[in-house]
């Protein structure tokens, strides 16, 4: 009788299940709190035609717009781990690589939303916001963004 109870209990332990029901094992995805911008490189002209600069407070990241053959690219600014459910200032500046002229400049406030990349009961808890970098409108919602030309 002992052997009969031991084997199912061992199997449940090894597979991450409890005898009272399924326990969801946490995945190990690591993610940071961040504000991101996504864009279609084709929107900004030829290969690496523009430099995209995204700033949150005084922290900035930048990269070139990319190849028009790419469906989309992104850029993120990492936030402090303890940022919480707050609103942060975001600034976008897109300049021409060829002549340095400003293509678009915009600012907004990002309302951060809570995210749990490994499930609601698993760490980490991160705070994120995402914008679309539009070539004429600046920072807009990414909803409805077509990833193909």
C-alpha atoms as a PDB file:
ATOM      1  CA  UNK A   1       0.000   0.000   0.000  1.00  0.00           C
ATOM      2  CA  UNK A   2       2.839   2.392   0.804  1.00  0.00           C
ATOM      3  CA  UNK A   3       4.369   1.847  -2.621  1.00  0.00           C
ATOM      4  CA  UNK A   4       1.019   2.576  -4.311  1.00  0.00           C
ATOM      5  CA  UNK A   5       0.690   6.010  -2.657  1.00  0.00           C
ATOM      6  CA  UNK A   6       4.367   6.895  -2.973  1.00  0.00           C
ATOM      7  CA  UNK A   7       4.630   6.516  -6.771  1.00  0.00           C
ATOM      8  CA  UNK A   8       1.682   8.854  -7.633  1.00  0.00           C
ATOM      9  CA  UNK A   9       2.907  11.389  -5.053  1.00  0.00           C
ATOM     10  CA  UNK A  10       6.414  11.297  -6.541  1.00  0.00           C
ATOM     11  CA  UNK A  11       5.031  11.685 -10.074  1.00  0.00           C
ATOM     12  CA  UNK A  12       2.907  14.658  -8.990  1.00  0.00           C
ATOM     13  CA  UNK A  13       5.900  16.311  -7.335  1.00  0.00           C
ATOM     14  CA  UNK A  14       8.157  15.823 -10.349  1.00  0.00           C
ATOM     15  CA  UNK A  15       5.601  17.174 -12.827  1.00  0.00           C
ATOM     16  CA  UNK A  16       4.716  20.272 -10.812  1.00  0.00           C
ATOM     17  CA  UNK A  17       1.240  19.053  -9.865  1.00  0.00           C
ATOM     18  CA  UNK A  18      -0.290  18.895  -6.439  1.00  0.00           C
ATOM     19  CA  UNK A  19      -2.629  16.212  -5.229  1.00  0.00           C
ATOM     20  CA  UNK A  20      -5.306  18.881  -4.742  1.00  0.00           C
ATOM     21  CA  UNK A  21      -5.155  20.180  -8.309  1.00  0.00           C
ATOM     22  CA  UNK A  22      -2.811  21.595 -10.906  1.00  0.00           C
ATOM     23  CA  UNK A  23      -0.126  24.020  -9.769  1.00  0.00           C
ATOM     24  CA  UNK A  24       1.099  26.250 -12.538  1.00  0.00           C
ATOM     25  CA  UNK A  25       4.867  26.274 -12.647  1.00  0.00           C
ATOM     26  CA  UNK A  26       6.389  29.706 -13.167  1.00  0.00           C
ATOM     27  CA  UNK A  27       8.350  30.237 -16.350  1.00  0.00           C
ATOM     28  CA  UNK A  28      11.669  32.009 -16.058  1.00  0.00           C
ATOM     29  CA  UNK A  29      11.171  34.880 -18.522  1.00  0.00           C
ATOM     30  CA  UNK A  30      13.091  37.942 -17.425  1.00  0.00           C
ATOM     31  CA  UNK A  31      11.655  41.325 -18.300  1.00  0.00           C
ATOM     32  CA  UNK A  32      12.289  44.924 -17.262  1.00  0.00           C
ATOM     33  CA  UNK A  33       9.908  47.789 -16.739  1.00  0.00           C
ATOM     34  CA  UNK A  34      10.112  49.926 -19.881  1.00  0.00           C
ATOM     35  CA  UNK A  35       8.578  52.357 -22.330  1.00  0.00           C
ATOM     36  CA  UNK A  36       8.806  51.229 -25.955  1.00  0.00           C
ATOM     37  CA  UNK A  37       8.211  52.625 -29.401  1.00  0.00           C
ATOM     38  CA  UNK A  38       7.507  50.429 -32.423  1.00  0.00           C
ATOM     39  CA  UNK A  39       7.514  51.488 -36.089  1.00  0.00           C
ATOM     40  CA  UNK A  40       7.453  50.248 -39.646  1.00  0.00           C
ATOM     41  CA  UNK A  41      10.885  51.047 -41.150  1.00  0.00           C
ATOM     42  CA  UNK A  42       9.271  51.565 -44.564  1.00  0.00           C
ATOM     43  CA  UNK A  43       7.407  54.554 -43.079  1.00  0.00           C
ATOM     44  CA  UNK A  44      10.724  56.407 -42.704  1.00  0.00           C
ATOM     45  CA  UNK A  45      12.092  55.939 -46.230  1.00  0.00           C
ATOM     46  CA  UNK A  46      15.123  54.017 -47.409  1.00  0.00           C
ATOM     47  CA  UNK A  47      17.524  51.809 -45.508  1.00  0.00           C
ATOM     48  CA  UNK A  48      18.395  53.426 -42.151  1.00  0.00           C
ATOM     49  CA  UNK A  49      17.156  56.801 -43.434  1.00  0.00           C
ATOM     50  CA  UNK A  50      16.175  58.107 -40.006  1.00  0.00           C
ATOM     51  CA  UNK A  51      17.500  58.069 -36.454  1.00  0.00           C
ATOM     52  CA  UNK A  52      14.828  57.299 -33.842  1.00  0.00           C
ATOM     53  CA  UNK A  53      15.497  58.701 -30.349  1.00  0.00           C
ATOM     54  CA  UNK A  54      13.181  57.813 -27.446  1.00  0.00           C
ATOM     55  CA  UNK A  55      13.566  59.434 -24.028  1.00  0.00           C
ATOM     56  CA  UNK A  56      11.854  58.862 -20.696  1.00  0.00           C
ATOM     57  CA  UNK A  57      12.735  61.619 -18.241  1.00  0.00           C
ATOM     58  CA  UNK A  58      16.466  62.097 -18.906  1.00  0.00           C
ATOM     59  CA  UNK A  59      17.228  58.555 -20.087  1.00  0.00           C
ATOM     60  CA  UNK A  60      17.380  58.103 -23.856  1.00  0.00           C
ATOM     61  CA  UNK A  61      17.958  55.288 -26.336  1.00  0.00           C
ATOM     62  CA  UNK A  62      18.323  55.563 -30.101  1.00  0.00           C
ATOM     63  CA  UNK A  63      18.773  53.532 -33.249  1.00  0.00           C
ATOM     64  CA  UNK A  64      18.390  53.891 -36.988  1.00  0.00           C
ATOM     65  CA  UNK A  65      15.029  53.248 -38.607  1.00  0.00           C
ATOM     66  CA  UNK A  66      16.116  49.960 -40.209  1.00  0.00           C
ATOM     67  CA  UNK A  67      15.590  48.211 -43.503  1.00  0.00           C
ATOM     68  CA  UNK A  68      12.260  48.750 -45.279  1.00  0.00           C
ATOM     69  CA  UNK A  69      12.174  44.951 -45.674  1.00  0.00           C
ATOM     70  CA  UNK A  70      11.714  44.528 -41.899  1.00  0.00           C
ATOM     71  CA  UNK A  71       8.018  44.394 -40.912  1.00  0.00           C
ATOM     72  CA  UNK A  72       8.645  46.445 -37.760  1.00  0.00           C
ATOM     73  CA  UNK A  73      11.360  47.489 -35.312  1.00  0.00           C
ATOM     74  CA  UNK A  74      11.292  48.710 -31.737  1.00  0.00           C
ATOM     75  CA  UNK A  75      13.264  50.664 -29.204  1.00  0.00           C
ATOM     76  CA  UNK A  76      12.862  50.582 -25.417  1.00  0.00           C
ATOM     77  CA  UNK A  77      13.962  52.730 -22.512  1.00  0.00           C
ATOM     78  CA  UNK A  78      14.423  50.751 -19.308  1.00  0.00           C
ATOM     79  CA  UNK A  79      12.716  52.094 -16.194  1.00  0.00           C
ATOM     80  CA  UNK A  80      13.627  51.653 -12.520  1.00  0.00           C
ATOM     81  CA  UNK A  81      12.326  48.393 -11.011  1.00  0.00           C
ATOM     82  CA  UNK A  82      10.251  50.260  -8.428  1.00  0.00           C
ATOM     83  CA  UNK A  83       8.521  52.644 -10.883  1.00  0.00           C
ATOM     84  CA  UNK A  84       5.048  51.236 -10.133  1.00  0.00           C
ATOM     85  CA  UNK A  85       1.753  52.352 -11.639  1.00  0.00           C
ATOM     86  CA  UNK A  86       2.769  55.857 -12.560  1.00  0.00           C
ATOM     87  CA  UNK A  87       2.789  58.208 -15.506  1.00  0.00           C
ATOM     88  CA  UNK A  88       6.135  59.192 -17.041  1.00  0.00           C
ATOM     89  CA  UNK A  89       7.111  61.839 -19.615  1.00  0.00           C
ATOM     90  CA  UNK A  90       8.169  60.449 -23.008  1.00  0.00           C
ATOM     91  CA  UNK A  91       9.863  62.317 -25.842  1.00  0.00           C
ATOM     92  CA  UNK A  92      10.394  61.161 -29.439  1.00  0.00           C
ATOM     93  CA  UNK A  93      12.758  62.822 -31.903  1.00  0.00           C
ATOM     94  CA  UNK A  94      13.216  61.422 -35.404  1.00  0.00           C
ATOM     95  CA  UNK A  95      15.970  62.969 -37.503  1.00  0.00           C
ATOM     96  CA  UNK A  96      17.174  62.411 -41.054  1.00  0.00           C
ATOM     97  CA  UNK A  97      20.455  60.496 -41.149  1.00  0.00           C
ATOM     98  CA  UNK A  98      21.310  62.217 -44.443  1.00  0.00           C
ATOM     99  CA  UNK A  99      21.107  65.865 -43.344  1.00  0.00           C
ATOM    100  CA  UNK A 100      20.260  65.886 -39.617  1.00  0.00           C
ATOM    101  CA  UNK A 101      16.906  67.637 -40.126  1.00  0.00           C
ATOM    102  CA  UNK A 102      14.155  66.822 -37.654  1.00  0.00           C
ATOM    103  CA  UNK A 103      11.487  64.655 -39.304  1.00  0.00           C
ATOM    104  CA  UNK A 104       9.125  64.518 -36.335  1.00  0.00           C
ATOM    105  CA  UNK A 105       9.291  65.576 -32.701  1.00  0.00           C
ATOM    106  CA  UNK A 106       6.644  64.754 -30.123  1.00  0.00           C
ATOM    107  CA  UNK A 107       6.104  64.250 -26.412  1.00  0.00           C
ATOM    108  CA  UNK A 108       3.468  62.528 -24.306  1.00  0.00           C
ATOM    109  CA  UNK A 109       2.872  61.052 -20.902  1.00  0.00           C
ATOM    110  CA  UNK A 110       2.952  57.268 -20.708  1.00  0.00           C
ATOM    111  CA  UNK A 111       0.576  55.632 -18.256  1.00  0.00           C
ATOM    112  CA  UNK A 112       2.371  52.466 -17.187  1.00  0.00           C
ATOM    113  CA  UNK A 113       0.421  49.233 -16.976  1.00  0.00           C
ATOM    114  CA  UNK A 114       1.228  46.203 -14.879  1.00  0.00           C
ATOM    115  CA  UNK A 115       2.525  43.088 -16.613  1.00  0.00           C
ATOM    116  CA  UNK A 116       3.429  39.621 -15.310  1.00  0.00           C
ATOM    117  CA  UNK A 117       5.491  37.876 -18.034  1.00  0.00           C
ATOM    118  CA  UNK A 118       5.567  34.599 -16.079  1.00  0.00           C
ATOM    119  CA  UNK A 119       1.943  34.602 -14.922  1.00  0.00           C
ATOM    120  CA  UNK A 120       0.015  36.614 -12.350  1.00  0.00           C
ATOM    121  CA  UNK A 121       1.302  34.687  -9.344  1.00  0.00           C
ATOM    122  CA  UNK A 122       4.944  34.621 -10.502  1.00  0.00           C
ATOM    123  CA  UNK A 123       7.688  37.257 -10.385  1.00  0.00           C
ATOM    124  CA  UNK A 124       8.626  39.643 -11.847  1.00  0.00           C
ATOM    125  CA  UNK A 125       6.003  42.361 -11.892  1.00  0.00           C
ATOM    126  CA  UNK A 126       6.947  44.952 -14.509  1.00  0.00           C
ATOM    127  CA  UNK A 127       5.417  48.239 -15.666  1.00  0.00           C
ATOM    128  CA  UNK A 128       5.244  48.980 -19.379  1.00  0.00           C
ATOM    129  CA  UNK A 129       3.882  51.323 -22.022  1.00  0.00           C
ATOM    130  CA  UNK A 130       4.168  51.127 -25.813  1.00  0.00           C
ATOM    131  CA  UNK A 131       3.751  53.784 -28.484  1.00  0.00           C
ATOM    132  CA  UNK A 132       3.950  53.740 -32.237  1.00  0.00           C
ATOM    133  CA  UNK A 133       6.522  56.124 -33.730  1.00  0.00           C
ATOM    134  CA  UNK A 134       4.596  57.581 -36.671  1.00  0.00           C
ATOM    135  CA  UNK A 135       6.459  59.567 -39.373  1.00  0.00           C
ATOM    136  CA  UNK A 136       4.062  62.539 -39.262  1.00  0.00           C
ATOM    137  CA  UNK A 137       1.953  62.167 -36.099  1.00  0.00           C
ATOM    138  CA  UNK A 138       4.737  61.286 -33.640  1.00  0.00           C
ATOM    139  CA  UNK A 139       3.787  59.194 -30.614  1.00  0.00           C
ATOM    140  CA  UNK A 140       0.490  57.401 -31.202  1.00  0.00           C
ATOM    141  CA  UNK A 141      -1.185  54.192 -30.072  1.00  0.00           C
ATOM    142  CA  UNK A 142       0.177  51.008 -31.669  1.00  0.00           C
ATOM    143  CA  UNK A 143      -3.321  49.530 -31.847  1.00  0.00           C
ATOM    144  CA  UNK A 144      -4.283  48.588 -35.377  1.00  0.00           C
ATOM    145  CA  UNK A 145      -0.710  48.938 -36.624  1.00  0.00           C
ATOM    146  CA  UNK A 146      -0.239  46.843 -39.746  1.00  0.00           C
ATOM    147  CA  UNK A 147       3.025  44.938 -39.610  1.00  0.00           C
ATOM    148  CA  UNK A 148       3.130  44.445 -43.371  1.00  0.00           C
ATOM    149  CA  UNK A 149       3.304  47.067 -46.137  1.00  0.00           C
END
